[in-house]
PDB file of N, CA and C in Angstrom:
ATOM      1  N   UNK A   1     149.248  40.561 177.874  1.00  0.00           N
ATOM      2  CA  UNK A   1     149.290  39.937 176.455  1.00  0.00           C
ATOM      3  C   UNK A   1     148.227  40.389 175.734  1.00  0.00           C
ATOM      4  N   UNK A   2     148.477  40.567 174.463  1.00  0.00           N
ATOM      5  CA  UNK A   2     147.363  41.116 173.642  1.00  0.00           C
ATOM      6  C   UNK A   2     146.282  40.214 173.242  1.00  0.00           C
ATOM      7  N   UNK A   3     145.227  40.533 172.820  1.00  0.00           N
ATOM      8  CA  UNK A   3     144.006  39.726 172.357  1.00  0.00           C
ATOM      9  C   UNK A   3     144.474  38.891 171.307  1.00  0.00           C
ATOM     10  N   UNK A   4     144.994  39.386 170.218  1.00  0.00           N
ATOM     11  CA  UNK A   4     145.460  38.657 169.051  1.00  0.00           C
ATOM     12  C   UNK A   4     146.397  37.610 169.448  1.00  0.00           C
ATOM     13  N   UNK A   5     147.327  37.736 170.398  1.00  0.00           N
ATOM     14  CA  UNK A   5     148.312  36.754 170.832  1.00  0.00           C
ATOM     15  C   UNK A   5     147.513  35.657 171.583  1.00  0.00           C
ATOM     16  N   UNK A   6     146.567  36.035 172.363  1.00  0.00           N
ATOM     17  CA  UNK A   6     145.888  35.033 173.284  1.00  0.00           C
ATOM     18  C   UNK A   6     145.009  34.171 172.231  1.00  0.00           C
ATOM     19  N   UNK A   7     144.331  34.814 171.205  1.00  0.00           N
ATOM     20  CA  UNK A   7     143.454  34.056 170.292  1.00  0.00           C
ATOM     21  C   UNK A   7     144.316  33.002 169.562  1.00  0.00           C
ATOM     22  N   UNK A   8     145.488  33.459 169.130  1.00  0.00           N
ATOM     23  CA  UNK A   8     146.429  32.482 168.416  1.00  0.00           C
ATOM     24  C   UNK A   8     146.767  31.360 169.233  1.00  0.00           C
ATOM     25  N   UNK A   9     147.056  31.598 170.560  1.00  0.00           N
ATOM     26  CA  UNK A   9     147.382  30.482 171.462  1.00  0.00           C
ATOM     27  C   UNK A   9     146.060  29.661 171.573  1.00  0.00           C
ATOM     28  N   UNK A  10     145.023  30.222 171.879  1.00  0.00           N
ATOM     29  CA  UNK A  10     143.781  29.399 172.150  1.00  0.00           C
ATOM     30  C   UNK A  10     143.475  28.540 170.930  1.00  0.00           C
ATOM     31  N   UNK A  11     143.778  29.028 169.724  1.00  0.00           N
ATOM     32  CA  UNK A  11     143.391  28.313 168.481  1.00  0.00           C
ATOM     33  C   UNK A  11     144.247  26.970 168.569  1.00  0.00           C
ATOM     34  N   UNK A  12     145.569  27.116 168.899  1.00  0.00           N
ATOM     35  CA  UNK A  12     146.506  25.855 168.973  1.00  0.00           C
ATOM     36  C   UNK A  12     145.960  24.992 170.053  1.00  0.00           C
ATOM     37  N   UNK A  13     145.423  25.481 171.177  1.00  0.00           N
ATOM     38  CA  UNK A  13     144.941  24.679 172.251  1.00  0.00           C
ATOM     39  C   UNK A  13     143.767  23.870 171.962  1.00  0.00           C
ATOM     40  N   UNK A  14     142.742  24.515 171.276  1.00  0.00           N
ATOM     41  CA  UNK A  14     141.479  23.881 171.006  1.00  0.00           C
ATOM     42  C   UNK A  14     141.502  23.031 169.738  1.00  0.00           C
ATOM     43  N   UNK A  15     142.493  23.201 168.974  1.00  0.00           N
ATOM     44  CA  UNK A  15     142.517  22.406 167.668  1.00  0.00           C
ATOM     45  C   UNK A  15     142.202  20.848 167.855  1.00  0.00           C
ATOM     46  N   UNK A  16     142.915  20.342 168.729  1.00  0.00           N
ATOM     47  CA  UNK A  16     142.680  18.790 168.806  1.00  0.00           C
ATOM     48  C   UNK A  16     141.282  18.340 169.264  1.00  0.00           C
ATOM     49  N   UNK A  17     140.652  19.215 169.802  1.00  0.00           N
ATOM     50  CA  UNK A  17     139.202  18.880 170.387  1.00  0.00           C
ATOM     51  C   UNK A  17     138.131  19.298 169.409  1.00  0.00           C
ATOM     52  N   UNK A  18     138.410  19.861 168.314  1.00  0.00           N
ATOM     53  CA  UNK A  18     137.327  20.513 167.412  1.00  0.00           C
ATOM     54  C   UNK A  18     136.671  19.431 166.644  1.00  0.00           C
ATOM     55  N   UNK A  19     135.302  19.425 166.468  1.00  0.00           N
ATOM     56  CA  UNK A  19     134.707  18.390 165.789  1.00  0.00           C
ATOM     57  C   UNK A  19     134.094  19.043 164.494  1.00  0.00           C
ATOM     58  N   UNK A  20     133.995  20.348 164.335  1.00  0.00           N
ATOM     59  CA  UNK A  20     133.614  21.028 163.189  1.00  0.00           C
ATOM     60  C   UNK A  20     134.789  21.844 162.493  1.00  0.00           C
ATOM     61  N   UNK A  21     135.497  21.106 161.693  1.00  0.00           N
ATOM     62  CA  UNK A  21     136.588  21.845 160.977  1.00  0.00           C
ATOM     63  C   UNK A  21     136.281  23.056 160.245  1.00  0.00           C
ATOM     64  N   UNK A  22     135.055  23.014 159.629  1.00  0.00           N
ATOM     65  CA  UNK A  22     134.706  24.197 158.829  1.00  0.00           C
ATOM     66  C   UNK A  22     134.537  25.462 159.794  1.00  0.00           C
ATOM     67  N   UNK A  23     134.030  25.296 160.800  1.00  0.00           N
ATOM     68  CA  UNK A  23     133.793  26.396 161.768  1.00  0.00           C
ATOM     69  C   UNK A  23     135.145  26.846 162.417  1.00  0.00           C
ATOM     70  N   UNK A  24     135.986  25.892 162.401  1.00  0.00           N
ATOM     71  CA  UNK A  24     137.402  26.245 163.015  1.00  0.00           C
ATOM     72  C   UNK A  24     138.088  27.007 162.174  1.00  0.00           C
ATOM     73  N   UNK A  25     137.907  26.982 160.759  1.00  0.00           N
ATOM     74  CA  UNK A  25     138.503  27.753 159.818  1.00  0.00           C
ATOM     75  C   UNK A  25     138.274  29.195 159.946  1.00  0.00           C
ATOM     76  N   UNK A  26     137.123  29.526 160.608  1.00  0.00           N
ATOM     77  CA  UNK A  26     136.712  30.905 160.888  1.00  0.00           C
ATOM     78  C   UNK A  26     136.762  31.294 162.330  1.00  0.00           C
ATOM     79  N   UNK A  27     137.904  30.721 163.018  1.00  0.00           N
ATOM     80  CA  UNK A  27     138.079  30.753 164.445  1.00  0.00           C
ATOM     81  C   UNK A  27     138.258  32.322 164.816  1.00  0.00           C
ATOM     82  N   UNK A  28     137.456  32.852 165.712  1.00  0.00           N
ATOM     83  CA  UNK A  28     137.529  34.268 165.953  1.00  0.00           C
ATOM     84  C   UNK A  28     136.871  34.486 167.460  1.00  0.00           C
ATOM     85  N   UNK A  29     136.949  35.823 167.758  1.00  0.00           N
ATOM     86  CA  UNK A  29     136.495  36.124 169.078  1.00  0.00           C
ATOM     87  C   UNK A  29     135.033  35.751 169.416  1.00  0.00           C
ATOM     88  N   UNK A  30     134.282  35.672 168.333  1.00  0.00           N
ATOM     89  CA  UNK A  30     132.809  35.155 168.581  1.00  0.00           C
ATOM     90  C   UNK A  30     132.605  33.752 168.577  1.00  0.00           C
ATOM     91  N   UNK A  31     133.534  32.950 168.213  1.00  0.00           N
ATOM     92  CA  UNK A  31     133.485  31.618 168.081  1.00  0.00           C
ATOM     93  C   UNK A  31     132.969  30.989 169.404  1.00  0.00           C
ATOM     94  N   UNK A  32     131.963  30.212 169.362  1.00  0.00           N
ATOM     95  CA  UNK A  32     131.345  29.471 170.562  1.00  0.00           C
ATOM     96  C   UNK A  32     132.076  27.948 170.497  1.00  0.00           C
ATOM     97  N   UNK A  33     132.619  27.544 171.678  1.00  0.00           N
ATOM     98  CA  UNK A  33     133.235  26.278 171.764  1.00  0.00           C
ATOM     99  C   UNK A  33     132.327  25.274 171.477  1.00  0.00           C
ATOM    100  N   UNK A  34     131.155  25.253 172.126  1.00  0.00           N
ATOM    101  CA  UNK A  34     130.190  24.155 172.029  1.00  0.00           C
ATOM    102  C   UNK A  34     129.167  24.192 170.615  1.00  0.00           C
ATOM    103  N   UNK A  35     128.844  25.455 170.408  1.00  0.00           N
ATOM    104  CA  UNK A  35     127.796  25.451 169.298  1.00  0.00           C
ATOM    105  C   UNK A  35     128.474  25.453 168.056  1.00  0.00           C
ATOM    106  N   UNK A  36     129.622  26.346 167.931  1.00  0.00           N
ATOM    107  CA  UNK A  36     130.271  26.349 166.632  1.00  0.00           C
ATOM    108  C   UNK A  36     131.333  25.202 166.366  1.00  0.00           C
ATOM    109  N   UNK A  37     132.126  24.987 167.415  1.00  0.00           N
ATOM    110  CA  UNK A  37     133.183  23.973 167.212  1.00  0.00           C
ATOM    111  C   UNK A  37     132.827  22.477 167.599  1.00  0.00           C
ATOM    112  N   UNK A  38     131.560  22.416 168.260  1.00  0.00           N
ATOM    113  CA  UNK A  38     130.989  21.105 168.693  1.00  0.00           C
ATOM    114  C   UNK A  38     132.045  20.367 169.585  1.00  0.00           C
ATOM    115  N   UNK A  39     132.649  21.219 170.513  1.00  0.00           N
ATOM    116  CA  UNK A  39     133.566  20.673 171.554  1.00  0.00           C
ATOM    117  C   UNK A  39     132.604  20.077 172.628  1.00  0.00           C
ATOM    118  N   UNK A  40     132.770  18.959 173.170  1.00  0.00           N
ATOM    119  CA  UNK A  40     131.939  18.353 174.275  1.00  0.00           C
ATOM    120  C   UNK A  40     132.482  18.968 175.605  1.00  0.00           C
ATOM    121  N   UNK A  41     131.531  18.854 176.623  1.00  0.00           N
ATOM    122  CA  UNK A  41     131.946  19.414 177.871  1.00  0.00           C
ATOM    123  C   UNK A  41     133.130  18.785 178.505  1.00  0.00           C
ATOM    124  N   UNK A  42     133.324  17.529 178.389  1.00  0.00           N
ATOM    125  CA  UNK A  42     134.475  16.833 178.905  1.00  0.00           C
ATOM    126  C   UNK A  42     135.801  17.381 178.439  1.00  0.00           C
ATOM    127  N   UNK A  43     135.698  17.826 177.155  1.00  0.00           N
ATOM    128  CA  UNK A  43     136.948  18.334 176.339  1.00  0.00           C
ATOM    129  C   UNK A  43     137.159  19.713 176.814  1.00  0.00           C
ATOM    130  N   UNK A  44     136.012  20.465 177.294  1.00  0.00           N
ATOM    131  CA  UNK A  44     136.240  21.850 177.650  1.00  0.00           C
ATOM    132  C   UNK A  44     137.019  21.861 178.951  1.00  0.00           C
ATOM    133  N   UNK A  45     136.890  20.869 179.765  1.00  0.00           N
ATOM    134  CA  UNK A  45     137.615  20.898 181.062  1.00  0.00           C
ATOM    135  C   UNK A  45     139.145  20.649 180.570  1.00  0.00           C
ATOM    136  N   UNK A  46     139.328  19.775 179.554  1.00  0.00           N
ATOM    137  CA  UNK A  46     140.933  19.627 179.135  1.00  0.00           C
ATOM    138  C   UNK A  46     141.346  20.885 178.611  1.00  0.00           C
ATOM    139  N   UNK A  47     140.427  21.771 177.894  1.00  0.00           N
ATOM    140  CA  UNK A  47     140.909  22.869 177.255  1.00  0.00           C
ATOM    141  C   UNK A  47     141.244  23.948 178.422  1.00  0.00           C
ATOM    142  N   UNK A  48     140.358  23.968 179.283  1.00  0.00           N
ATOM    143  CA  UNK A  48     140.707  24.912 180.643  1.00  0.00           C
ATOM    144  C   UNK A  48     142.037  24.524 181.236  1.00  0.00           C
ATOM    145  N   UNK A  49     142.311  23.335 181.399  1.00  0.00           N
ATOM    146  CA  UNK A  49     143.520  22.824 181.997  1.00  0.00           C
ATOM    147  C   UNK A  49     144.728  23.206 181.137  1.00  0.00           C
ATOM    148  N   UNK A  50     144.576  22.931 179.842  1.00  0.00           N
ATOM    149  CA  UNK A  50     145.666  23.377 178.894  1.00  0.00           C
ATOM    150  C   UNK A  50     145.946  24.938 178.962  1.00  0.00           C
ATOM    151  N   UNK A  51     144.787  25.733 179.124  1.00  0.00           N
ATOM    152  CA  UNK A  51     144.836  27.241 179.126  1.00  0.00           C
ATOM    153  C   UNK A  51     145.617  27.612 180.391  1.00  0.00           C
ATOM    154  N   UNK A  52     145.267  26.947 181.481  1.00  0.00           N
ATOM    155  CA  UNK A  52     145.912  27.167 182.740  1.00  0.00           C
ATOM    156  C   UNK A  52     147.479  26.952 182.591  1.00  0.00           C
ATOM    157  N   UNK A  53     147.834  25.980 182.037  1.00  0.00           N
ATOM    158  CA  UNK A  53     149.206  25.641 181.871  1.00  0.00           C
ATOM    159  C   UNK A  53     149.885  26.594 180.954  1.00  0.00           C
ATOM    160  N   UNK A  54     149.309  26.918 179.740  1.00  0.00           N
ATOM    161  CA  UNK A  54     149.863  27.733 178.718  1.00  0.00           C
ATOM    162  C   UNK A  54     150.107  29.133 179.289  1.00  0.00           C
ATOM    163  N   UNK A  55     149.049  29.653 180.044  1.00  0.00           N
ATOM    164  CA  UNK A  55     149.146  31.112 180.465  1.00  0.00           C
ATOM    165  C   UNK A  55     149.631  31.287 182.048  1.00  0.00           C
ATOM    166  N   UNK A  56     149.867  30.162 182.649  1.00  0.00           N
ATOM    167  CA  UNK A  56     150.312  30.097 183.988  1.00  0.00           C
ATOM    168  C   UNK A  56     149.298  30.918 184.839  1.00  0.00           C
ATOM    169  N   UNK A  57     148.012  30.450 184.782  1.00  0.00           N
ATOM    170  CA  UNK A  57     146.914  31.154 185.466  1.00  0.00           C
ATOM    171  C   UNK A  57     146.115  29.885 186.125  1.00  0.00           C
ATOM    172  N   UNK A  58     145.217  30.271 187.230  1.00  0.00           N
ATOM    173  CA  UNK A  58     144.276  29.293 187.666  1.00  0.00           C
ATOM    174  C   UNK A  58     142.860  29.884 187.347  1.00  0.00           C
ATOM    175  N   UNK A  59     142.036  28.961 186.761  1.00  0.00           N
ATOM    176  CA  UNK A  59     140.697  29.384 186.433  1.00  0.00           C
ATOM    177  C   UNK A  59     139.760  28.729 187.483  1.00  0.00           C
ATOM    178  N   UNK A  60     138.967  29.543 188.168  1.00  0.00           N
ATOM    179  CA  UNK A  60     138.026  28.908 188.945  1.00  0.00           C
ATOM    180  C   UNK A  60     136.751  28.528 188.461  1.00  0.00           C
ATOM    181  N   UNK A  61     135.961  27.780 189.188  1.00  0.00           N
ATOM    182  CA  UNK A  61     134.798  27.112 188.472  1.00  0.00           C
ATOM    183  C   UNK A  61     133.799  28.144 187.832  1.00  0.00           C
ATOM    184  N   UNK A  62     133.624  29.267 188.574  1.00  0.00           N
ATOM    185  CA  UNK A  62     132.702  30.351 188.113  1.00  0.00           C
ATOM    186  C   UNK A  62     133.153  30.780 186.736  1.00  0.00           C
ATOM    187  N   UNK A  63     134.438  31.062 186.634  1.00  0.00           N
ATOM    188  CA  UNK A  63     135.036  31.642 185.249  1.00  0.00           C
ATOM    189  C   UNK A  63     134.926  30.581 184.316  1.00  0.00           C
ATOM    190  N   UNK A  64     135.226  29.221 184.656  1.00  0.00           N
ATOM    191  CA  UNK A  64     135.203  28.128 183.734  1.00  0.00           C
ATOM    192  C   UNK A  64     133.792  28.048 183.163  1.00  0.00           C
ATOM    193  N   UNK A  65     132.779  28.155 184.010  1.00  0.00           N
ATOM    194  CA  UNK A  65     131.309  28.089 183.459  1.00  0.00           C
ATOM    195  C   UNK A  65     131.011  29.188 182.598  1.00  0.00           C
ATOM    196  N   UNK A  66     131.633  30.286 182.668  1.00  0.00           N
ATOM    197  CA  UNK A  66     131.244  31.445 181.777  1.00  0.00           C
ATOM    198  C   UNK A  66     132.232  31.466 180.450  1.00  0.00           C
ATOM    199  N   UNK A  67     133.027  30.514 180.316  1.00  0.00           N
ATOM    200  CA  UNK A  67     133.968  30.536 179.191  1.00  0.00           C
ATOM    201  C   UNK A  67     133.262  29.749 178.057  1.00  0.00           C
ATOM    202  N   UNK A  68     132.357  30.473 177.405  1.00  0.00           N
ATOM    203  CA  UNK A  68     131.568  29.870 176.283  1.00  0.00           C
ATOM    204  C   UNK A  68     132.173  30.126 174.889  1.00  0.00           C
ATOM    205  N   UNK A  69     132.723  31.277 174.720  1.00  0.00           N
ATOM    206  CA  UNK A  69     133.236  31.664 173.492  1.00  0.00           C
ATOM    207  C   UNK A  69     134.802  32.045 173.600  1.00  0.00           C
ATOM    208  N   UNK A  70     135.383  32.173 172.420  1.00  0.00           N
ATOM    209  CA  UNK A  70     136.692  32.627 172.416  1.00  0.00           C
ATOM    210  C   UNK A  70     136.999  33.971 173.164  1.00  0.00           C
ATOM    211  N   UNK A  71     136.060  34.838 172.909  1.00  0.00           N
ATOM    212  CA  UNK A  71     136.025  36.075 173.632  1.00  0.00           C
ATOM    213  C   UNK A  71     135.938  36.125 175.098  1.00  0.00           C
ATOM    214  N   UNK A  72     135.134  35.172 175.644  1.00  0.00           N
ATOM    215  CA  UNK A  72     135.020  34.891 176.999  1.00  0.00           C
ATOM    216  C   UNK A  72     136.375  34.493 177.554  1.00  0.00           C
ATOM    217  N   UNK A  73     136.937  33.456 176.853  1.00  0.00           N
ATOM    218  CA  UNK A  73     138.117  32.867 177.317  1.00  0.00           C
ATOM    219  C   UNK A  73     139.264  33.992 177.270  1.00  0.00           C
ATOM    220  N   UNK A  74     139.282  34.840 176.231  1.00  0.00           N
ATOM    221  CA  UNK A  74     140.417  36.021 176.268  1.00  0.00           C
ATOM    222  C   UNK A  74     140.139  36.875 177.428  1.00  0.00           C
ATOM    223  N   UNK A  75     138.946  37.330 177.714  1.00  0.00           N
ATOM    224  CA  UNK A  75     138.591  38.137 178.869  1.00  0.00           C
ATOM    225  C   UNK A  75     139.173  37.471 180.165  1.00  0.00           C
ATOM    226  N   UNK A  76     138.800  36.251 180.348  1.00  0.00           N
ATOM    227  CA  UNK A  76     139.225  35.501 181.604  1.00  0.00           C
ATOM    228  C   UNK A  76     140.748  35.400 181.696  1.00  0.00           C
ATOM    229  N   UNK A  77     141.288  35.117 180.577  1.00  0.00           N
ATOM    230  CA  UNK A  77     142.881  34.992 180.652  1.00  0.00           C
ATOM    231  C   UNK A  77     143.483  36.392 180.988  1.00  0.00           C
ATOM    232  N   UNK A  78     142.965  37.362 180.326  1.00  0.00           N
ATOM    233  CA  UNK A  78     143.523  38.736 180.561  1.00  0.00           C
ATOM    234  C   UNK A  78     143.398  39.119 182.081  1.00  0.00           C
ATOM    235  N   UNK A  79     142.100  38.925 182.566  1.00  0.00           N
ATOM    236  CA  UNK A  79     141.852  39.239 183.997  1.00  0.00           C
ATOM    237  C   UNK A  79     142.763  38.500 184.996  1.00  0.00           C
ATOM    238  N   UNK A  80     142.890  37.079 184.676  1.00  0.00           N
ATOM    239  CA  UNK A  80     143.665  36.433 185.606  1.00  0.00           C
ATOM    240  C   UNK A  80     145.181  36.824 185.558  1.00  0.00           C
ATOM    241  N   UNK A  81     145.632  37.199 184.298  1.00  0.00           N
ATOM    242  CA  UNK A  81     146.992  37.639 184.091  1.00  0.00           C
ATOM    243  C   UNK A  81     147.239  38.923 185.008  1.00  0.00           C
ATOM    244  N   UNK A  82     146.338  39.814 184.985  1.00  0.00           N
ATOM    245  CA  UNK A  82     146.372  41.093 185.714  1.00  0.00           C
ATOM    246  C   UNK A  82     146.441  40.749 187.112  1.00  0.00           C
ATOM    247  N   UNK A  83     145.436  39.912 187.726  1.00  0.00           N
ATOM    248  CA  UNK A  83     145.544  39.402 189.030  1.00  0.00           C
ATOM    249  C   UNK A  83     146.937  38.895 189.402  1.00  0.00           C
ATOM    250  N   UNK A  84     147.508  38.082 188.580  1.00  0.00           N
ATOM    251  CA  UNK A  84     148.680  37.488 188.817  1.00  0.00           C
ATOM    252  C   UNK A  84     149.906  38.542 188.936  1.00  0.00           C
ATOM    253  N   UNK A  85     149.764  39.657 188.289  1.00  0.00           N
ATOM    254  CA  UNK A  85     150.814  40.548 188.112  1.00  0.00           C
ATOM    255  C   UNK A  85     150.763  41.513 189.509  1.00  0.00           C
ATOM    256  N   UNK A  86     149.604  41.352 190.229  1.00  0.00           N
ATOM    257  CA  UNK A  86     149.558  42.135 191.471  1.00  0.00           C
ATOM    258  C   UNK A  86     150.469  41.674 192.500  1.00  0.00           C
TER     259      UNK A  86
END
């Protein structure tokens, strides 16, 4: 799946958890879930679960802890999809 498609899907997934609507309008690869969108850590877990369901992947704790930006999430999703294809 291409980066653009993944970012589009992520935007739909994180929308319900966003506290900073202004930052959400500029949602891009550099957007930080906590600093920019003001999503709390409990909701980040919900987002990870939603991402797992949406992309049919499993995200381990180490990967989850490194998923701070949209770009991080895209990289993890793409890596897990490649692993699933093997």
